[in-house]
């Protein structure tokens, strides 16, 4: 249903989404007004190359994709959980 969820979590999965634009549009559809998307991903280690972990540039790119899907008030938080992780948070 439209606007059914107040929070949507995506953890270590964004790189598997075949069409992030369509997926984020669907996420926006199911989040209630005032709801949040919280997307957490591991960051690459220094000198590491991995399609499954984020770089700082990719964090910024995903933030832009959230804004394009009308998910606003986007911010990024970085945490050390044994390795660096980024949480990209947006509100509706």
PDB file of N, CA and C in Angstrom:
ATOM      1  N   UNK A   1       0.834  -1.188   0.000  1.00  0.00           N
ATOM      2  CA  UNK A   1       0.000   0.000   0.000  1.00  0.00           C
ATOM      3  C   UNK A   1       0.876   1.248   0.000  1.00  0.00           C
ATOM      4  N   UNK A   2       0.368   2.299  -0.590  1.00  0.00           N
ATOM      5  CA  UNK A   2       1.077   3.576  -0.586  1.00  0.00           C
ATOM      6  C   UNK A   2       1.207   4.093   0.846  1.00  0.00           C
ATOM      7  N   UNK A   3       2.381   4.606   1.175  1.00  0.00           N
ATOM      8  CA  UNK A   3       2.601   5.229   2.469  1.00  0.00           C
ATOM      9  C   UNK A   3       2.406   4.326   3.663  1.00  0.00           C
ATOM     10  N   UNK A   4       2.635   3.048   3.492  1.00  0.00           N
ATOM     11  CA  UNK A   4       2.366   2.076   4.554  1.00  0.00           C
ATOM     12  C   UNK A   4       3.454   2.037   5.626  1.00  0.00           C
ATOM     13  N   UNK A   5       4.695   2.327   5.271  1.00  0.00           N
ATOM     14  CA  UNK A   5       5.811   2.164   6.196  1.00  0.00           C
ATOM     15  C   UNK A   5       6.347   3.514   6.654  1.00  0.00           C
ATOM     16  N   UNK A   6       6.708   3.590   7.923  1.00  0.00           N
ATOM     17  CA  UNK A   6       7.315   4.820   8.432  1.00  0.00           C
ATOM     18  C   UNK A   6       8.841   4.789   8.283  1.00  0.00           C
ATOM     19  N   UNK A   7       9.416   3.599   8.189  1.00  0.00           N
ATOM     20  CA  UNK A   7      10.862   3.451   8.011  1.00  0.00           C
ATOM     21  C   UNK A   7      11.116   2.295   7.057  1.00  0.00           C
ATOM     22  N   UNK A   8      12.041   2.505   6.136  1.00  0.00           N
ATOM     23  CA  UNK A   8      12.520   1.434   5.264  1.00  0.00           C
ATOM     24  C   UNK A   8      14.023   1.346   5.467  1.00  0.00           C
ATOM     25  N   UNK A   9      14.524   0.145   5.766  1.00  0.00           N
ATOM     26  CA  UNK A   9      15.949  -0.110   5.941  1.00  0.00           C
ATOM     27  C   UNK A   9      16.473  -0.885   4.742  1.00  0.00           C
ATOM     28  N   UNK A  10      17.648  -0.530   4.293  1.00  0.00           N
ATOM     29  CA  UNK A  10      18.359  -1.307   3.275  1.00  0.00           C
ATOM     30  C   UNK A  10      19.795  -1.429   3.777  1.00  0.00           C
ATOM     31  N   UNK A  11      20.245  -2.647   4.011  1.00  0.00           N
ATOM     32  CA  UNK A  11      21.563  -2.853   4.598  1.00  0.00           C
ATOM     33  C   UNK A  11      22.401  -3.740   3.673  1.00  0.00           C
ATOM     34  N   UNK A  12      23.538  -3.201   3.246  1.00  0.00           N
ATOM     35  CA  UNK A  12      24.486  -3.933   2.396  1.00  0.00           C
ATOM     36  C   UNK A  12      23.816  -4.593   1.204  1.00  0.00           C
ATOM     37  N   UNK A  13      22.881  -3.879   0.575  1.00  0.00           N
ATOM     38  CA  UNK A  13      22.155  -4.481  -0.536  1.00  0.00           C
ATOM     39  C   UNK A  13      22.025  -3.590  -1.756  1.00  0.00           C
ATOM     40  N   UNK A  14      22.300  -2.299  -1.638  1.00  0.00           N
ATOM     41  CA  UNK A  14      22.017  -1.372  -2.731  1.00  0.00           C
ATOM     42  C   UNK A  14      22.714  -1.778  -4.026  1.00  0.00           C
ATOM     43  N   UNK A  15      23.915  -2.314  -3.933  1.00  0.00           N
ATOM     44  CA  UNK A  15      24.656  -2.707  -5.131  1.00  0.00           C
ATOM     45  C   UNK A  15      23.996  -3.874  -5.869  1.00  0.00           C
ATOM     46  N   UNK A  16      23.040  -4.548  -5.238  1.00  0.00           N
ATOM     47  CA  UNK A  16      22.313  -5.634  -5.895  1.00  0.00           C
ATOM     48  C   UNK A  16      21.053  -5.154  -6.613  1.00  0.00           C
ATOM     49  N   UNK A  17      20.616  -3.936  -6.348  1.00  0.00           N
ATOM     50  CA  UNK A  17      19.389  -3.438  -6.963  1.00  0.00           C
ATOM     51  C   UNK A  17      19.639  -3.245  -8.458  1.00  0.00           C
ATOM     52  N   UNK A  18      18.923  -3.974  -9.322  1.00  0.00           N
ATOM     53  CA  UNK A  18      19.204  -3.896 -10.755  1.00  0.00           C
ATOM     54  C   UNK A  18      18.866  -2.532 -11.355  1.00  0.00           C
ATOM     55  N   UNK A  19      17.897  -1.843 -10.806  1.00  0.00           N
ATOM     56  CA  UNK A  19      17.484  -0.537 -11.317  1.00  0.00           C
ATOM     57  C   UNK A  19      17.244   0.390 -10.127  1.00  0.00           C
ATOM     58  N   UNK A  20      18.316   1.000  -9.595  1.00  0.00           N
ATOM     59  CA  UNK A  20      18.166   1.824  -8.393  1.00  0.00           C
ATOM     60  C   UNK A  20      17.120   2.931  -8.540  1.00  0.00           C
ATOM     61  N   UNK A  21      17.025   3.539  -9.707  1.00  0.00           N
ATOM     62  CA  UNK A  21      16.052   4.623  -9.897  1.00  0.00           C
ATOM     63  C   UNK A  21      14.628   4.123  -9.668  1.00  0.00           C
ATOM     64  N   UNK A  22      14.271   3.023 -10.307  1.00  0.00           N
ATOM     65  CA  UNK A  22      12.925   2.459 -10.118  1.00  0.00           C
ATOM     66  C   UNK A  22      12.722   1.956  -8.697  1.00  0.00           C
ATOM     67  N   UNK A  23      13.758   1.365  -8.129  1.00  0.00           N
ATOM     68  CA  UNK A  23      13.651   0.842  -6.770  1.00  0.00           C
ATOM     69  C   UNK A  23      13.425   1.966  -5.767  1.00  0.00           C
ATOM     70  N   UNK A  24      14.145   3.082  -5.939  1.00  0.00           N
ATOM     71  CA  UNK A  24      13.961   4.203  -5.026  1.00  0.00           C
ATOM     72  C   UNK A  24      12.593   4.860  -5.213  1.00  0.00           C
ATOM     73  N   UNK A  25      12.080   4.856  -6.428  1.00  0.00           N
ATOM     74  CA  UNK A  25      10.724   5.362  -6.662  1.00  0.00           C
ATOM     75  C   UNK A  25       9.718   4.496  -5.910  1.00  0.00           C
ATOM     76  N   UNK A  26       9.926   3.192  -5.919  1.00  0.00           N
ATOM     77  CA  UNK A  26       9.041   2.280  -5.190  1.00  0.00           C
ATOM     78  C   UNK A  26       9.189   2.473  -3.685  1.00  0.00           C
ATOM     79  N   UNK A  27      10.410   2.647  -3.213  1.00  0.00           N
ATOM     80  CA  UNK A  27      10.628   2.921  -1.788  1.00  0.00           C
ATOM     81  C   UNK A  27       9.869   4.179  -1.398  1.00  0.00           C
ATOM     82  N   UNK A  28       9.978   5.214  -2.208  1.00  0.00           N
ATOM     83  CA  UNK A  28       9.279   6.474  -1.904  1.00  0.00           C
ATOM     84  C   UNK A  28       7.772   6.259  -1.842  1.00  0.00           C
ATOM     85  N   UNK A  29       7.251   5.422  -2.723  1.00  0.00           N
ATOM     86  CA  UNK A  29       5.813   5.168  -2.766  1.00  0.00           C
ATOM     87  C   UNK A  29       5.308   4.544  -1.467  1.00  0.00           C
ATOM     88  N   UNK A  30       6.100   3.656  -0.877  1.00  0.00           N
ATOM     89  CA  UNK A  30       5.616   2.923   0.300  1.00  0.00           C
ATOM     90  C   UNK A  30       5.943   3.604   1.623  1.00  0.00           C
ATOM     91  N   UNK A  31       6.776   4.656   1.596  1.00  0.00           N
ATOM     92  CA  UNK A  31       7.098   5.369   2.834  1.00  0.00           C
ATOM     93  C   UNK A  31       6.026   6.428   3.088  1.00  0.00           C
ATOM     94  N   UNK A  32       5.551   6.473   4.321  1.00  0.00           N
ATOM     95  CA  UNK A  32       4.557   7.476   4.697  1.00  0.00           C
ATOM     96  C   UNK A  32       5.182   8.861   4.738  1.00  0.00           C
ATOM     97  N   UNK A  33       4.351   9.890   4.646  1.00  0.00           N
ATOM     98  CA  UNK A  33       4.842  11.254   4.796  1.00  0.00           C
ATOM     99  C   UNK A  33       5.519  11.388   6.154  1.00  0.00           C
ATOM    100  N   UNK A  34       6.692  11.955   6.158  1.00  0.00           N
ATOM    101  CA  UNK A  34       7.465  12.078   7.386  1.00  0.00           C
ATOM    102  C   UNK A  34       8.282  10.836   7.706  1.00  0.00           C
ATOM    103  N   UNK A  35       8.214   9.822   6.838  1.00  0.00           N
ATOM    104  CA  UNK A  35       8.960   8.584   7.048  1.00  0.00           C
ATOM    105  C   UNK A  35      10.410   8.721   6.614  1.00  0.00           C
ATOM    106  N   UNK A  36      11.170   7.649   6.812  1.00  0.00           N
ATOM    107  CA  UNK A  36      12.602   7.673   6.512  1.00  0.00           C
ATOM    108  C   UNK A  36      13.044   6.437   5.753  1.00  0.00           C
ATOM    109  N   UNK A  37      14.035   6.659   4.909  1.00  0.00           N
ATOM    110  CA  UNK A  37      14.813   5.576   4.319  1.00  0.00           C
ATOM    111  C   UNK A  37      16.177   5.624   4.983  1.00  0.00           C
ATOM    112  N   UNK A  38      16.611   4.505   5.510  1.00  0.00           N
ATOM    113  CA  UNK A  38      17.944   4.390   6.092  1.00  0.00           C
ATOM    114  C   UNK A  38      18.666   3.298   5.323  1.00  0.00           C
ATOM    115  N   UNK A  39      19.702   3.702   4.627  1.00  0.00           N
ATOM    116  CA  UNK A  39      20.451   2.779   3.785  1.00  0.00           C
ATOM    117  C   UNK A  39      21.880   2.738   4.295  1.00  0.00           C
ATOM    118  N   UNK A  40      22.328   1.566   4.714  1.00  0.00           N
ATOM    119  CA  UNK A  40      23.681   1.425   5.264  1.00  0.00           C
ATOM    120  C   UNK A  40      24.489   0.483   4.386  1.00  0.00           C
ATOM    121  N   UNK A  41      25.711   0.889   4.101  1.00  0.00           N
ATOM    122  CA  UNK A  41      26.600   0.095   3.250  1.00  0.00           C
ATOM    123  C   UNK A  41      28.011   0.179   3.803  1.00  0.00           C
ATOM    124  N   UNK A  42      28.778  -0.858   3.584  1.00  0.00           N
ATOM    125  CA  UNK A  42      30.191  -0.843   3.962  1.00  0.00           C
ATOM    126  C   UNK A  42      30.964   0.036   2.994  1.00  0.00           C
ATOM    127  N   UNK A  43      31.971   0.689   3.527  1.00  0.00           N
ATOM    128  CA  UNK A  43      32.871   1.500   2.711  1.00  0.00           C
ATOM    129  C   UNK A  43      34.069   0.644   2.299  1.00  0.00           C
ATOM    130  N   UNK A  44      34.668   1.013   1.169  1.00  0.00           N
ATOM    131  CA  UNK A  44      35.879   0.299   0.750  1.00  0.00           C
ATOM    132  C   UNK A  44      37.013   0.625   1.709  1.00  0.00           C
ATOM    133  N   UNK A  45      37.880  -0.329   1.886  1.00  0.00           N
ATOM    134  CA  UNK A  45      39.098  -0.084   2.654  1.00  0.00           C
ATOM    135  C   UNK A  45      40.058   0.709   1.766  1.00  0.00           C
ATOM    136  N   UNK A  46      41.009   1.421   2.365  1.00  0.00           N
ATOM    137  CA  UNK A  46      41.991   2.129   1.532  1.00  0.00           C
ATOM    138  C   UNK A  46      42.665   1.161   0.554  1.00  0.00           C
ATOM    139  N   UNK A  47      42.800   1.593  -0.677  1.00  0.00           N
ATOM    140  CA  UNK A  47      43.433   0.813  -1.758  1.00  0.00           C
ATOM    141  C   UNK A  47      42.669  -0.445  -2.141  1.00  0.00           C
ATOM    142  N   UNK A  48      41.441  -0.572  -1.700  1.00  0.00           N
ATOM    143  CA  UNK A  48      40.616  -1.729  -2.057  1.00  0.00           C
ATOM    144  C   UNK A  48      39.730  -1.346  -3.238  1.00  0.00           C
ATOM    145  N   UNK A  49      39.503  -2.293  -4.122  1.00  0.00           N
ATOM    146  CA  UNK A  49      38.562  -2.093  -5.221  1.00  0.00           C
ATOM    147  C   UNK A  49      37.495  -3.169  -5.080  1.00  0.00           C
ATOM    148  N   UNK A  50      36.266  -2.727  -4.884  1.00  0.00           N
ATOM    149  CA  UNK A  50      35.179  -3.681  -4.697  1.00  0.00           C
ATOM    150  C   UNK A  50      33.885  -3.065  -5.209  1.00  0.00           C
ATOM    151  N   UNK A  51      33.161  -3.775  -6.069  1.00  0.00           N
ATOM    152  CA  UNK A  51      31.870  -3.257  -6.520  1.00  0.00           C
ATOM    153  C   UNK A  51      30.806  -3.331  -5.434  1.00  0.00           C
ATOM    154  N   UNK A  52      31.101  -4.026  -4.336  1.00  0.00           N
ATOM    155  CA  UNK A  52      30.112  -4.241  -3.285  1.00  0.00           C
ATOM    156  C   UNK A  52      30.239  -3.284  -2.117  1.00  0.00           C
ATOM    157  N   UNK A  53      31.229  -2.419  -2.144  1.00  0.00           N
ATOM    158  CA  UNK A  53      31.418  -1.472  -1.063  1.00  0.00           C
ATOM    159  C   UNK A  53      31.513  -0.068  -1.644  1.00  0.00           C
ATOM    160  N   UNK A  54      31.175   0.917  -0.847  1.00  0.00           N
ATOM    161  CA  UNK A  54      31.064   2.287  -1.324  1.00  0.00           C
ATOM    162  C   UNK A  54      32.355   3.082  -1.198  1.00  0.00           C
ATOM    163  N   UNK A  55      32.490   4.038  -2.091  1.00  0.00           N
ATOM    164  CA  UNK A  55      33.489   5.086  -1.980  1.00  0.00           C
ATOM    165  C   UNK A  55      32.747   6.356  -1.552  1.00  0.00           C
ATOM    166  N   UNK A  56      33.481   7.375  -1.143  1.00  0.00           N
ATOM    167  CA  UNK A  56      32.834   8.638  -0.782  1.00  0.00           C
ATOM    168  C   UNK A  56      32.056   9.215  -1.959  1.00  0.00           C
ATOM    169  N   UNK A  57      32.605   9.096  -3.168  1.00  0.00           N
ATOM    170  CA  UNK A  57      31.892   9.594  -4.352  1.00  0.00           C
ATOM    171  C   UNK A  57      30.579   8.852  -4.553  1.00  0.00           C
ATOM    172  N   UNK A  58      30.581   7.557  -4.315  1.00  0.00           N
ATOM    173  CA  UNK A  58      29.357   6.754  -4.485  1.00  0.00           C
ATOM    174  C   UNK A  58      28.320   7.140  -3.435  1.00  0.00           C
ATOM    175  N   UNK A  59      28.741   7.460  -2.221  1.00  0.00           N
ATOM    176  CA  UNK A  59      27.811   7.924  -1.189  1.00  0.00           C
ATOM    177  C   UNK A  59      27.109   9.183  -1.676  1.00  0.00           C
ATOM    178  N   UNK A  60      27.872  10.115  -2.236  1.00  0.00           N
ATOM    179  CA  UNK A  60      27.283  11.351  -2.765  1.00  0.00           C
ATOM    180  C   UNK A  60      26.328  11.057  -3.915  1.00  0.00           C
ATOM    181  N   UNK A  61      26.698  10.118  -4.777  1.00  0.00           N
ATOM    182  CA  UNK A  61      25.853   9.751  -5.914  1.00  0.00           C
ATOM    183  C   UNK A  61      24.517   9.165  -5.443  1.00  0.00           C
ATOM    184  N   UNK A  62      24.576   8.304  -4.461  1.00  0.00           N
ATOM    185  CA  UNK A  62      23.344   7.701  -3.928  1.00  0.00           C
ATOM    186  C   UNK A  62      22.480   8.770  -3.277  1.00  0.00           C
ATOM    187  N   UNK A  63      23.089   9.708  -2.571  1.00  0.00           N
ATOM    188  CA  UNK A  63      22.328  10.815  -2.005  1.00  0.00           C
ATOM    189  C   UNK A  63      21.573  11.575  -3.082  1.00  0.00           C
ATOM    190  N   UNK A  64      22.214  11.801  -4.216  1.00  0.00           N
ATOM    191  CA  UNK A  64      21.561  12.456  -5.348  1.00  0.00           C
ATOM    192  C   UNK A  64      20.422  11.632  -5.904  1.00  0.00           C
ATOM    193  N   UNK A  65      20.579  10.313  -5.926  1.00  0.00           N
ATOM    194  CA  UNK A  65      19.510   9.436  -6.402  1.00  0.00           C
ATOM    195  C   UNK A  65      18.299   9.493  -5.470  1.00  0.00           C
ATOM    196  N   UNK A  66      18.536   9.596  -4.171  1.00  0.00           N
ATOM    197  CA  UNK A  66      17.430   9.739  -3.227  1.00  0.00           C
ATOM    198  C   UNK A  66      16.679  11.038  -3.494  1.00  0.00           C
ATOM    199  N   UNK A  67      17.410  12.114  -3.682  1.00  0.00           N
ATOM    200  CA  UNK A  67      16.769  13.400  -3.960  1.00  0.00           C
ATOM    201  C   UNK A  67      15.951  13.333  -5.250  1.00  0.00           C
ATOM    202  N   UNK A  68      16.473  12.674  -6.276  1.00  0.00           N
ATOM    203  CA  UNK A  68      15.749  12.534  -7.544  1.00  0.00           C
ATOM    204  C   UNK A  68      14.460  11.738  -7.372  1.00  0.00           C
ATOM    205  N   UNK A  69      14.428  10.833  -6.380  1.00  0.00           N
ATOM    206  CA  UNK A  69      13.229  10.025  -6.105  1.00  0.00           C
ATOM    207  C   UNK A  69      12.293  10.728  -5.123  1.00  0.00           C
ATOM    208  N   UNK A  70      12.544  12.015  -4.876  1.00  0.00           N
ATOM    209  CA  UNK A  70      11.728  12.825  -3.973  1.00  0.00           C
ATOM    210  C   UNK A  70      11.807  12.354  -2.524  1.00  0.00           C
ATOM    211  N   UNK A  71      12.975  11.853  -2.176  1.00  0.00           N
ATOM    212  CA  UNK A  71      13.299  11.556  -0.781  1.00  0.00           C
ATOM    213  C   UNK A  71      14.255  12.670  -0.369  1.00  0.00           C
ATOM    214  N   UNK A  72      13.828  13.507   0.549  1.00  0.00           N
ATOM    215  CA  UNK A  72      14.554  14.741   0.828  1.00  0.00           C
ATOM    216  C   UNK A  72      15.310  14.681   2.149  1.00  0.00           C
ATOM    217  N   UNK A  73      15.848  15.817   2.538  1.00  0.00           N
ATOM    218  CA  UNK A  73      16.625  15.939   3.783  1.00  0.00           C
ATOM    219  C   UNK A  73      17.643  14.820   3.887  1.00  0.00           C
ATOM    220  N   UNK A  74      18.370  14.617   2.802  1.00  0.00           N
ATOM    221  CA  UNK A  74      19.346  13.530   2.738  1.00  0.00           C
ATOM    222  C   UNK A  74      20.612  13.923   3.491  1.00  0.00           C
ATOM    223  N   UNK A  75      21.073  13.012   4.322  1.00  0.00           N
ATOM    224  CA  UNK A  75      22.353  13.212   5.000  1.00  0.00           C
ATOM    225  C   UNK A  75      23.092  11.881   5.042  1.00  0.00           C
ATOM    226  N   UNK A  76      24.380  11.961   5.223  1.00  0.00           N
ATOM    227  CA  UNK A  76      25.219  10.764   5.321  1.00  0.00           C
ATOM    228  C   UNK A  76      25.937  10.777   6.657  1.00  0.00           C
ATOM    229  N   UNK A  77      25.974   9.626   7.275  1.00  0.00           N
ATOM    230  CA  UNK A  77      26.707   9.448   8.528  1.00  0.00           C
ATOM    231  C   UNK A  77      27.681   8.301   8.335  1.00  0.00           C
ATOM    232  N   UNK A  78      28.845   8.445   8.895  1.00  0.00           N
ATOM    233  CA  UNK A  78      29.865   7.411   8.782  1.00  0.00           C
ATOM    234  C   UNK A  78      30.149   6.840  10.162  1.00  0.00           C
ATOM    235  N   UNK A  79      30.230   5.524  10.228  1.00  0.00           N
ATOM    236  CA  UNK A  79      30.424   4.838  11.505  1.00  0.00           C
ATOM    237  C   UNK A  79      31.506   3.777  11.350  1.00  0.00           C
ATOM    238  N   UNK A  80      32.224   3.525  12.425  1.00  0.00           N
ATOM    239  CA  UNK A  80      33.214   2.456  12.439  1.00  0.00           C
ATOM    240  C   UNK A  80      32.599   1.275  13.179  1.00  0.00           C
ATOM    241  N   UNK A  81      32.322   0.223  12.439  1.00  0.00           N
ATOM    242  CA  UNK A  81      31.721  -0.983  13.017  1.00  0.00           C
ATOM    243  C   UNK A  81      32.652  -2.180  12.776  1.00  0.00           C
ATOM    244  N   UNK A  82      33.936  -1.941  13.010  1.00  0.00           N
ATOM    245  CA  UNK A  82      34.938  -2.946  12.674  1.00  0.00           C
ATOM    246  C   UNK A  82      35.536  -2.628  11.321  1.00  0.00           C
ATOM    247  N   UNK A  83      34.794  -1.936  10.507  1.00  0.00           N
ATOM    248  CA  UNK A  83      35.241  -1.299   9.267  1.00  0.00           C
ATOM    249  C   UNK A  83      34.310  -0.148   9.035  1.00  0.00           C
ATOM    250  N   UNK A  84      34.704   0.768   8.210  1.00  0.00           N
ATOM    251  CA  UNK A  84      33.907   1.969   7.987  1.00  0.00           C
ATOM    252  C   UNK A  84      32.613   1.611   7.261  1.00  0.00           C
ATOM    253  N   UNK A  85      31.527   2.237   7.699  1.00  0.00           N
ATOM    254  CA  UNK A  85      30.227   2.052   7.055  1.00  0.00           C
ATOM    255  C   UNK A  85      29.566   3.426   6.898  1.00  0.00           C
ATOM    256  N   UNK A  86      28.800   3.546   5.845  1.00  0.00           N
ATOM    257  CA  UNK A  86      28.056   4.782   5.603  1.00  0.00           C
ATOM    258  C   UNK A  86      26.571   4.502   5.747  1.00  0.00           C
ATOM    259  N   UNK A  87      25.890   5.390   6.410  1.00  0.00           N
ATOM    260  CA  UNK A  87      24.431   5.344   6.470  1.00  0.00           C
ATOM    261  C   UNK A  87      23.931   6.583   5.749  1.00  0.00           C
ATOM    262  N   UNK A  88      23.129   6.364   4.724  1.00  0.00           N
ATOM    263  CA  UNK A  88      22.553   7.445   3.948  1.00  0.00           C
ATOM    264  C   UNK A  88      21.086   7.498   4.345  1.00  0.00           C
ATOM    265  N   UNK A  89      20.684   8.629   4.873  1.00  0.00           N
ATOM    266  CA  UNK A  89      19.341   8.768   5.468  1.00  0.00           C
ATOM    267  C   UNK A  89      18.580   9.840   4.714  1.00  0.00           C
ATOM    268  N   UNK A  90      17.346   9.529   4.373  1.00  0.00           N
ATOM    269  CA  UNK A  90      16.492  10.498   3.715  1.00  0.00           C
ATOM    270  C   UNK A  90      15.102  10.466   4.298  1.00  0.00           C
ATOM    271  N   UNK A  91      14.410  11.584   4.232  1.00  0.00           N
ATOM    272  CA  UNK A  91      13.056  11.698   4.778  1.00  0.00           C
ATOM    273  C   UNK A  91      12.082  12.042   3.664  1.00  0.00           C
ATOM    274  N   UNK A  92      10.827  11.727   3.927  1.00  0.00           N
ATOM    275  CA  UNK A  92       9.785  12.068   2.956  1.00  0.00           C
ATOM    276  C   UNK A  92       8.967  13.236   3.442  1.00  0.00           C
TER     277      UNK A  92
END
